[in-house]
């Protein structure tokens, strides 16, 4: 999950894994089916096909955001790992 505070579905988010572009999905809930801005939960990428126990490089292209608005990348249902190698390019 690409976690962005106050995200909206009109934002352009791009993700590359190991240098290859991957499809970025948009997650919604069904509480207000006719109001997508109120039901938007965020952006996600299906990484279930990645080889485990291998190093992967993830690049994220984001729209212009306020400081602190990008909250990070989160992987659900996997063993917790932390990285010390984070870089930013503008």
PDB file of N, CA and C in Angstrom:
ATOM      1  N   UNK A   1       0.846  -1.166   0.000  1.00  0.00           N
ATOM      2  CA  UNK A   1       0.000   0.000   0.000  1.00  0.00           C
ATOM      3  C   UNK A   1       0.894   1.231   0.000  1.00  0.00           C
ATOM      4  N   UNK A   2       0.597   2.174  -0.890  1.00  0.00           N
ATOM      5  CA  UNK A   2       1.260   3.474  -0.903  1.00  0.00           C
ATOM      6  C   UNK A   2       0.410   4.379  -0.019  1.00  0.00           C
ATOM      7  N   UNK A   3       0.940   4.725   1.136  1.00  0.00           N
ATOM      8  CA  UNK A   3       0.155   5.468   2.119  1.00  0.00           C
ATOM      9  C   UNK A   3       0.423   6.967   1.986  1.00  0.00           C
ATOM     10  N   UNK A   4      -0.625   7.711   1.613  1.00  0.00           N
ATOM     11  CA  UNK A   4      -0.567   9.164   1.475  1.00  0.00           C
ATOM     12  C   UNK A   4      -1.689   9.748   2.308  1.00  0.00           C
ATOM     13  N   UNK A   5      -1.333  10.630   3.242  1.00  0.00           N
ATOM     14  CA  UNK A   5      -2.361  11.292   4.058  1.00  0.00           C
ATOM     15  C   UNK A   5      -3.204  12.194   3.167  1.00  0.00           C
ATOM     16  N   UNK A   6      -4.507  12.176   3.371  1.00  0.00           N
ATOM     17  CA  UNK A   6      -5.458  12.993   2.604  1.00  0.00           C
ATOM     18  C   UNK A   6      -5.368  12.737   1.102  1.00  0.00           C
ATOM     19  N   UNK A   7      -5.173  11.491   0.740  1.00  0.00           N
ATOM     20  CA  UNK A   7      -5.107  11.126  -0.685  1.00  0.00           C
ATOM     21  C   UNK A   7      -6.488  11.217  -1.309  1.00  0.00           C
ATOM     22  N   UNK A   8      -6.506  11.378  -2.623  1.00  0.00           N
ATOM     23  CA  UNK A   8      -7.767  11.325  -3.353  1.00  0.00           C
ATOM     24  C   UNK A   8      -7.540  10.532  -4.627  1.00  0.00           C
ATOM     25  N   UNK A   9      -8.594   9.951  -5.202  1.00  0.00           N
ATOM     26  CA  UNK A   9      -8.426   9.060  -6.345  1.00  0.00           C
ATOM     27  C   UNK A   9      -7.952   9.748  -7.626  1.00  0.00           C
ATOM     28  N   UNK A  10      -7.931  11.065  -7.661  1.00  0.00           N
ATOM     29  CA  UNK A  10      -7.464  11.768  -8.858  1.00  0.00           C
ATOM     30  C   UNK A  10      -5.947  11.937  -8.877  1.00  0.00           C
ATOM     31  N   UNK A  11      -5.279  11.608  -7.779  1.00  0.00           N
ATOM     32  CA  UNK A  11      -3.817  11.709  -7.723  1.00  0.00           C
ATOM     33  C   UNK A  11      -3.185  10.705  -8.685  1.00  0.00           C
ATOM     34  N   UNK A  12      -2.065  11.086  -9.265  1.00  0.00           N
ATOM     35  CA  UNK A  12      -1.301  10.194 -10.140  1.00  0.00           C
ATOM     36  C   UNK A  12      -0.165   9.586  -9.333  1.00  0.00           C
ATOM     37  N   UNK A  13      -0.185   8.265  -9.173  1.00  0.00           N
ATOM     38  CA  UNK A  13       0.850   7.544  -8.442  1.00  0.00           C
ATOM     39  C   UNK A  13       1.391   6.457  -9.367  1.00  0.00           C
ATOM     40  N   UNK A  14       2.710   6.378  -9.473  1.00  0.00           N
ATOM     41  CA  UNK A  14       3.351   5.360 -10.301  1.00  0.00           C
ATOM     42  C   UNK A  14       4.303   4.545  -9.431  1.00  0.00           C
ATOM     43  N   UNK A  15       4.406   3.244  -9.715  1.00  0.00           N
ATOM     44  CA  UNK A  15       5.306   2.377  -8.969  1.00  0.00           C
ATOM     45  C   UNK A  15       6.103   1.542  -9.966  1.00  0.00           C
ATOM     46  N   UNK A  16       7.404   1.409  -9.676  1.00  0.00           N
ATOM     47  CA  UNK A  16       8.295   0.544 -10.439  1.00  0.00           C
ATOM     48  C   UNK A  16       8.928  -0.431  -9.460  1.00  0.00           C
ATOM     49  N   UNK A  17       8.961  -1.692  -9.830  1.00  0.00           N
ATOM     50  CA  UNK A  17       9.623  -2.707  -9.008  1.00  0.00           C
ATOM     51  C   UNK A  17      10.728  -3.322  -9.848  1.00  0.00           C
ATOM     52  N   UNK A  18      11.929  -3.257  -9.321  1.00  0.00           N
ATOM     53  CA  UNK A  18      13.108  -3.739 -10.028  1.00  0.00           C
ATOM     54  C   UNK A  18      13.214  -3.102 -11.411  1.00  0.00           C
ATOM     55  N   UNK A  19      12.857  -1.819 -11.490  1.00  0.00           N
ATOM     56  CA  UNK A  19      12.970  -1.047 -12.726  1.00  0.00           C
ATOM     57  C   UNK A  19      11.819  -1.202 -13.698  1.00  0.00           C
ATOM     58  N   UNK A  20      10.846  -2.059 -13.390  1.00  0.00           N
ATOM     59  CA  UNK A  20       9.729  -2.299 -14.302  1.00  0.00           C
ATOM     60  C   UNK A  20       8.449  -1.666 -13.749  1.00  0.00           C
ATOM     61  N   UNK A  21       7.711  -0.938 -14.595  1.00  0.00           N
ATOM     62  CA  UNK A  21       6.449  -0.351 -14.118  1.00  0.00           C
ATOM     63  C   UNK A  21       5.437  -1.444 -13.777  1.00  0.00           C
ATOM     64  N   UNK A  22       4.695  -1.211 -12.716  1.00  0.00           N
ATOM     65  CA  UNK A  22       3.642  -2.135 -12.312  1.00  0.00           C
ATOM     66  C   UNK A  22       2.330  -1.376 -12.197  1.00  0.00           C
ATOM     67  N   UNK A  23       1.237  -2.100 -12.292  1.00  0.00           N
ATOM     68  CA  UNK A  23      -0.082  -1.483 -12.213  1.00  0.00           C
ATOM     69  C   UNK A  23      -0.382  -1.041 -10.783  1.00  0.00           C
ATOM     70  N   UNK A  24      -0.851   0.183 -10.643  1.00  0.00           N
ATOM     71  CA  UNK A  24      -1.246   0.724  -9.342  1.00  0.00           C
ATOM     72  C   UNK A  24      -2.768   0.743  -9.292  1.00  0.00           C
ATOM     73  N   UNK A  25      -3.316   0.056  -8.307  1.00  0.00           N
ATOM     74  CA  UNK A  25      -4.763   0.021  -8.142  1.00  0.00           C
ATOM     75  C   UNK A  25      -5.230   1.062  -7.143  1.00  0.00           C
ATOM     76  N   UNK A  26      -6.519   1.317  -7.163  1.00  0.00           N
ATOM     77  CA  UNK A  26      -7.146   2.249  -6.228  1.00  0.00           C
ATOM     78  C   UNK A  26      -8.162   1.472  -5.405  1.00  0.00           C
ATOM     79  N   UNK A  27      -8.056   1.601  -4.083  1.00  0.00           N
ATOM     80  CA  UNK A  27      -8.943   0.862  -3.185  1.00  0.00           C
ATOM     81  C   UNK A  27     -10.063   1.773  -2.686  1.00  0.00           C
ATOM     82  N   UNK A  28     -11.283   1.239  -2.732  1.00  0.00           N
ATOM     83  CA  UNK A  28     -12.464   1.953  -2.261  1.00  0.00           C
ATOM     84  C   UNK A  28     -13.245   1.037  -1.332  1.00  0.00           C
ATOM     85  N   UNK A  29     -14.008   1.614  -0.418  1.00  0.00           N
ATOM     86  CA  UNK A  29     -14.969   0.821   0.333  1.00  0.00           C
ATOM     87  C   UNK A  29     -16.361   1.165  -0.195  1.00  0.00           C
ATOM     88  N   UNK A  30     -17.370   0.488   0.290  1.00  0.00           N
ATOM     89  CA  UNK A  30     -18.729   0.655  -0.246  1.00  0.00           C
ATOM     90  C   UNK A  30     -19.672   1.415   0.667  1.00  0.00           C
ATOM     91  N   UNK A  31     -19.144   2.180   1.605  1.00  0.00           N
ATOM     92  CA  UNK A  31     -20.028   2.887   2.523  1.00  0.00           C
ATOM     93  C   UNK A  31     -20.873   3.915   1.774  1.00  0.00           C
ATOM     94  N   UNK A  32     -20.250   4.685   0.893  1.00  0.00           N
ATOM     95  CA  UNK A  32     -20.949   5.679   0.076  1.00  0.00           C
ATOM     96  C   UNK A  32     -20.613   5.401  -1.389  1.00  0.00           C
ATOM     97  N   UNK A  33     -21.279   4.440  -2.031  1.00  0.00           N
ATOM     98  CA  UNK A  33     -20.883   4.013  -3.369  1.00  0.00           C
ATOM     99  C   UNK A  33     -20.940   5.108  -4.436  1.00  0.00           C
ATOM    100  N   UNK A  34     -21.692   6.155  -4.227  1.00  0.00           N
ATOM    101  CA  UNK A  34     -21.785   7.222  -5.222  1.00  0.00           C
ATOM    102  C   UNK A  34     -20.920   8.432  -4.886  1.00  0.00           C
ATOM    103  N   UNK A  35     -20.046   8.299  -3.913  1.00  0.00           N
ATOM    104  CA  UNK A  35     -19.176   9.403  -3.496  1.00  0.00           C
ATOM    105  C   UNK A  35     -17.732   8.902  -3.379  1.00  0.00           C
ATOM    106  N   UNK A  36     -17.035   8.725  -4.521  1.00  0.00           N
ATOM    107  CA  UNK A  36     -15.701   8.123  -4.487  1.00  0.00           C
ATOM    108  C   UNK A  36     -14.691   8.868  -3.624  1.00  0.00           C
ATOM    109  N   UNK A  37     -14.802  10.184  -3.485  1.00  0.00           N
ATOM    110  CA  UNK A  37     -13.856  10.903  -2.630  1.00  0.00           C
ATOM    111  C   UNK A  37     -14.012  10.518  -1.163  1.00  0.00           C
ATOM    112  N   UNK A  38     -15.218  10.101  -0.776  1.00  0.00           N
ATOM    113  CA  UNK A  38     -15.468   9.733   0.617  1.00  0.00           C
ATOM    114  C   UNK A  38     -15.191   8.255   0.883  1.00  0.00           C
ATOM    115  N   UNK A  39     -15.023   7.460  -0.152  1.00  0.00           N
ATOM    116  CA  UNK A  39     -14.808   6.028   0.025  1.00  0.00           C
ATOM    117  C   UNK A  39     -13.411   5.586  -0.390  1.00  0.00           C
ATOM    118  N   UNK A  40     -12.584   6.520  -0.850  1.00  0.00           N
ATOM    119  CA  UNK A  40     -11.242   6.177  -1.311  1.00  0.00           C
ATOM    120  C   UNK A  40     -10.359   5.821  -0.125  1.00  0.00           C
ATOM    121  N   UNK A  41      -9.719   4.659  -0.212  1.00  0.00           N
ATOM    122  CA  UNK A  41      -8.872   4.184   0.880  1.00  0.00           C
ATOM    123  C   UNK A  41      -7.383   4.328   0.566  1.00  0.00           C
ATOM    124  N   UNK A  42      -7.009   4.389  -0.696  1.00  0.00           N
ATOM    125  CA  UNK A  42      -5.602   4.537  -1.040  1.00  0.00           C
ATOM    126  C   UNK A  42      -5.205   3.747  -2.268  1.00  0.00           C
ATOM    127  N   UNK A  43      -3.906   3.710  -2.505  1.00  0.00           N
ATOM    128  CA  UNK A  43      -3.331   3.054  -3.677  1.00  0.00           C
ATOM    129  C   UNK A  43      -2.658   1.748  -3.263  1.00  0.00           C
ATOM    130  N   UNK A  44      -2.706   0.750  -4.157  1.00  0.00           N
ATOM    131  CA  UNK A  44      -2.073  -0.523  -3.838  1.00  0.00           C
ATOM    132  C   UNK A  44      -1.453  -1.146  -5.079  1.00  0.00           C
ATOM    133  N   UNK A  45      -0.534  -2.072  -4.848  1.00  0.00           N
ATOM    134  CA  UNK A  45       0.108  -2.846  -5.906  1.00  0.00           C
ATOM    135  C   UNK A  45       0.103  -4.304  -5.462  1.00  0.00           C
ATOM    136  N   UNK A  46      -0.245  -5.198  -6.357  1.00  0.00           N
ATOM    137  CA  UNK A  46      -0.208  -6.631  -6.067  1.00  0.00           C
ATOM    138  C   UNK A  46       1.240  -7.106  -6.228  1.00  0.00           C
ATOM    139  N   UNK A  47       1.882  -7.479  -5.130  1.00  0.00           N
ATOM    140  CA  UNK A  47       3.267  -7.942  -5.178  1.00  0.00           C
ATOM    141  C   UNK A  47       3.362  -9.445  -4.869  1.00  0.00           C
ATOM    142  N   UNK A  48       2.257 -10.150  -4.996  1.00  0.00           N
ATOM    143  CA  UNK A  48       2.235 -11.570  -4.642  1.00  0.00           C
ATOM    144  C   UNK A  48       3.110 -12.428  -5.545  1.00  0.00           C
ATOM    145  N   UNK A  49       3.529 -11.908  -6.698  1.00  0.00           N
ATOM    146  CA  UNK A  49       4.365 -12.703  -7.601  1.00  0.00           C
ATOM    147  C   UNK A  49       5.864 -12.467  -7.388  1.00  0.00           C
ATOM    148  N   UNK A  50       6.246 -11.621  -6.426  1.00  0.00           N
ATOM    149  CA  UNK A  50       7.666 -11.386  -6.165  1.00  0.00           C
ATOM    150  C   UNK A  50       8.286 -12.581  -5.450  1.00  0.00           C
ATOM    151  N   UNK A  51       9.524 -12.894  -5.822  1.00  0.00           N
ATOM    152  CA  UNK A  51      10.247 -13.996  -5.205  1.00  0.00           C
ATOM    153  C   UNK A  51      10.614 -13.626  -3.762  1.00  0.00           C
ATOM    154  N   UNK A  52      10.247 -14.478  -2.800  1.00  0.00           N
ATOM    155  CA  UNK A  52      10.581 -14.164  -1.400  1.00  0.00           C
ATOM    156  C   UNK A  52      12.080 -14.308  -1.135  1.00  0.00           C
ATOM    157  N   UNK A  53      12.523 -13.696  -0.045  1.00  0.00           N
ATOM    158  CA  UNK A  53      13.918 -13.768   0.386  1.00  0.00           C
ATOM    159  C   UNK A  53      14.878 -13.267  -0.685  1.00  0.00           C
ATOM    160  N   UNK A  54      14.419 -12.289  -1.459  1.00  0.00           N
ATOM    161  CA  UNK A  54      15.233 -11.656  -2.492  1.00  0.00           C
ATOM    162  C   UNK A  54      15.136 -10.154  -2.321  1.00  0.00           C
ATOM    163  N   UNK A  55      16.212  -9.464  -2.676  1.00  0.00           N
ATOM    164  CA  UNK A  55      16.202  -7.998  -2.607  1.00  0.00           C
ATOM    165  C   UNK A  55      15.470  -7.456  -3.828  1.00  0.00           C
ATOM    166  N   UNK A  56      14.564  -6.501  -3.582  1.00  0.00           N
ATOM    167  CA  UNK A  56      13.832  -5.840  -4.657  1.00  0.00           C
ATOM    168  C   UNK A  56      13.962  -4.335  -4.467  1.00  0.00           C
ATOM    169  N   UNK A  57      13.966  -3.627  -5.571  1.00  0.00           N
ATOM    170  CA  UNK A  57      14.018  -2.171  -5.540  1.00  0.00           C
ATOM    171  C   UNK A  57      12.647  -1.641  -5.924  1.00  0.00           C
ATOM    172  N   UNK A  58      12.113  -0.740  -5.093  1.00  0.00           N
ATOM    173  CA  UNK A  58      10.791  -0.164  -5.352  1.00  0.00           C
ATOM    174  C   UNK A  58      10.957   1.339  -5.536  1.00  0.00           C
ATOM    175  N   UNK A  59      10.456   1.855  -6.655  1.00  0.00           N
ATOM    176  CA  UNK A  59      10.439   3.286  -6.913  1.00  0.00           C
ATOM    177  C   UNK A  59       9.005   3.772  -6.959  1.00  0.00           C
ATOM    178  N   UNK A  60       8.761   4.923  -6.372  1.00  0.00           N
ATOM    179  CA  UNK A  60       7.406   5.463  -6.321  1.00  0.00           C
ATOM    180  C   UNK A  60       7.409   6.869  -6.893  1.00  0.00           C
ATOM    181  N   UNK A  61       6.546   7.127  -7.874  1.00  0.00           N
ATOM    182  CA  UNK A  61       6.346   8.464  -8.426  1.00  0.00           C
ATOM    183  C   UNK A  61       5.097   9.060  -7.821  1.00  0.00           C
ATOM    184  N   UNK A  62       5.243  10.221  -7.203  1.00  0.00           N
ATOM    185  CA  UNK A  62       4.136  10.842  -6.487  1.00  0.00           C
ATOM    186  C   UNK A  62       3.841  12.233  -7.035  1.00  0.00           C
ATOM    187  N   UNK A  63       2.611  12.699  -6.860  1.00  0.00           N
ATOM    188  CA  UNK A  63       2.311  14.087  -7.207  1.00  0.00           C
ATOM    189  C   UNK A  63       2.967  15.007  -6.175  1.00  0.00           C
ATOM    190  N   UNK A  64       2.901  16.301  -6.392  1.00  0.00           N
ATOM    191  CA  UNK A  64       3.435  17.244  -5.411  1.00  0.00           C
ATOM    192  C   UNK A  64       2.627  17.114  -4.125  1.00  0.00           C
ATOM    193  N   UNK A  65       3.333  16.855  -3.026  1.00  0.00           N
ATOM    194  CA  UNK A  65       2.681  16.645  -1.733  1.00  0.00           C
ATOM    195  C   UNK A  65       3.230  17.625  -0.711  1.00  0.00           C
ATOM    196  N   UNK A  66       2.466  17.835   0.328  1.00  0.00           N
ATOM    197  CA  UNK A  66       2.914  18.647   1.450  1.00  0.00           C
ATOM    198  C   UNK A  66       3.919  17.831   2.276  1.00  0.00           C
ATOM    199  N   UNK A  67       4.844  18.504   2.976  1.00  0.00           N
ATOM    200  CA  UNK A  67       5.781  17.772   3.835  1.00  0.00           C
ATOM    201  C   UNK A  67       5.032  16.866   4.816  1.00  0.00           C
ATOM    202  N   UNK A  68       5.467  15.625   4.904  1.00  0.00           N
ATOM    203  CA  UNK A  68       4.849  14.660   5.807  1.00  0.00           C
ATOM    204  C   UNK A  68       3.627  13.954   5.259  1.00  0.00           C
ATOM    205  N   UNK A  69       3.152  14.350   4.099  1.00  0.00           N
ATOM    206  CA  UNK A  69       1.943  13.730   3.547  1.00  0.00           C
ATOM    207  C   UNK A  69       2.208  12.297   3.081  1.00  0.00           C
ATOM    208  N   UNK A  70       3.401  12.036   2.519  1.00  0.00           N
ATOM    209  CA  UNK A  70       3.758  10.660   2.140  1.00  0.00           C
ATOM    210  C   UNK A  70       4.108   9.914   3.418  1.00  0.00           C
ATOM    211  N   UNK A  71       3.345   8.869   3.716  1.00  0.00           N
ATOM    212  CA  UNK A  71       3.499   8.125   4.961  1.00  0.00           C
ATOM    213  C   UNK A  71       4.342   6.862   4.813  1.00  0.00           C
ATOM    214  N   UNK A  72       4.650   6.460   3.592  1.00  0.00           N
ATOM    215  CA  UNK A  72       5.490   5.289   3.390  1.00  0.00           C
ATOM    216  C   UNK A  72       4.788   4.197   2.613  1.00  0.00           C
ATOM    217  N   UNK A  73       5.501   3.092   2.446  1.00  0.00           N
ATOM    218  CA  UNK A  73       4.972   1.896   1.790  1.00  0.00           C
ATOM    219  C   UNK A  73       4.698   0.854   2.861  1.00  0.00           C
ATOM    220  N   UNK A  74       3.567   0.194   2.756  1.00  0.00           N
ATOM    221  CA  UNK A  74       3.189  -0.809   3.733  1.00  0.00           C
ATOM    222  C   UNK A  74       2.821  -2.094   3.009  1.00  0.00           C
ATOM    223  N   UNK A  75       3.281  -3.205   3.557  1.00  0.00           N
ATOM    224  CA  UNK A  75       2.996  -4.512   2.983  1.00  0.00           C
ATOM    225  C   UNK A  75       2.168  -5.288   3.989  1.00  0.00           C
ATOM    226  N   UNK A  76       0.960  -5.665   3.605  1.00  0.00           N
ATOM    227  CA  UNK A  76       0.063  -6.396   4.488  1.00  0.00           C
ATOM    228  C   UNK A  76       0.323  -7.893   4.406  1.00  0.00           C
ATOM    229  N   UNK A  77       0.125  -8.568   5.519  1.00  0.00           N
ATOM    230  CA  UNK A  77       0.182 -10.037   5.593  1.00  0.00           C
ATOM    231  C   UNK A  77       1.544 -10.608   5.243  1.00  0.00           C
ATOM    232  N   UNK A  78       2.603  -9.917   5.630  1.00  0.00           N
ATOM    233  CA  UNK A  78       3.958 -10.432   5.447  1.00  0.00           C
ATOM    234  C   UNK A  78       4.723 -10.252   6.751  1.00  0.00           C
ATOM    235  N   UNK A  79       5.814 -10.993   6.890  1.00  0.00           N
ATOM    236  CA  UNK A  79       6.659 -10.854   8.068  1.00  0.00           C
ATOM    237  C   UNK A  79       7.290  -9.468   8.069  1.00  0.00           C
ATOM    238  N   UNK A  80       7.326  -8.823   9.221  1.00  0.00           N
ATOM    239  CA  UNK A  80       7.847  -7.467   9.326  1.00  0.00           C
ATOM    240  C   UNK A  80       9.340  -7.412   9.011  1.00  0.00           C
ATOM    241  N   UNK A  81       9.706  -6.490   8.144  1.00  0.00           N
ATOM    242  CA  UNK A  81      11.100  -6.199   7.805  1.00  0.00           C
ATOM    243  C   UNK A  81      11.231  -4.690   7.740  1.00  0.00           C
ATOM    244  N   UNK A  82      12.380  -4.186   8.074  1.00  0.00           N
ATOM    245  CA  UNK A  82      12.637  -2.754   7.983  1.00  0.00           C
ATOM    246  C   UNK A  82      13.819  -2.520   7.058  1.00  0.00           C
ATOM    247  N   UNK A  83      13.831  -1.380   6.417  1.00  0.00           N
ATOM    248  CA  UNK A  83      14.945  -1.038   5.536  1.00  0.00           C
ATOM    249  C   UNK A  83      15.642   0.203   6.053  1.00  0.00           C
ATOM    250  N   UNK A  84      16.921   0.266   5.843  1.00  0.00           N
ATOM    251  CA  UNK A  84      17.678   1.451   6.183  1.00  0.00           C
ATOM    252  C   UNK A  84      18.117   2.167   4.932  1.00  0.00           C
ATOM    253  N   UNK A  85      17.695   1.658   3.782  1.00  0.00           N
ATOM    254  CA  UNK A  85      18.108   2.214   2.492  1.00  0.00           C
ATOM    255  C   UNK A  85      16.931   2.888   1.814  1.00  0.00           C
ATOM    256  N   UNK A  86      16.738   4.172   2.120  1.00  0.00           N
ATOM    257  CA  UNK A  86      15.670   4.937   1.502  1.00  0.00           C
ATOM    258  C   UNK A  86      16.299   6.154   0.865  1.00  0.00           C
ATOM    259  N   UNK A  87      15.917   6.438  -0.374  1.00  0.00           N
ATOM    260  CA  UNK A  87      16.453   7.624  -1.037  1.00  0.00           C
ATOM    261  C   UNK A  87      15.326   8.370  -1.742  1.00  0.00           C
ATOM    262  N   UNK A  88      15.572   9.623  -2.010  1.00  0.00           N
ATOM    263  CA  UNK A  88      14.583  10.462  -2.671  1.00  0.00           C
ATOM    264  C   UNK A  88      15.249  11.176  -3.823  1.00  0.00           C
ATOM    265  N   UNK A  89      14.573  11.223  -4.941  1.00  0.00           N
ATOM    266  CA  UNK A  89      15.069  12.021  -6.069  1.00  0.00           C
ATOM    267  C   UNK A  89      13.939  12.910  -6.545  1.00  0.00           C
ATOM    268  N   UNK A  90      14.281  14.123  -6.896  1.00  0.00           N
ATOM    269  CA  UNK A  90      13.241  15.068  -7.347  1.00  0.00           C
ATOM    270  C   UNK A  90      13.437  15.444  -8.775  1.00  0.00           C
TER     271      UNK A  90
END
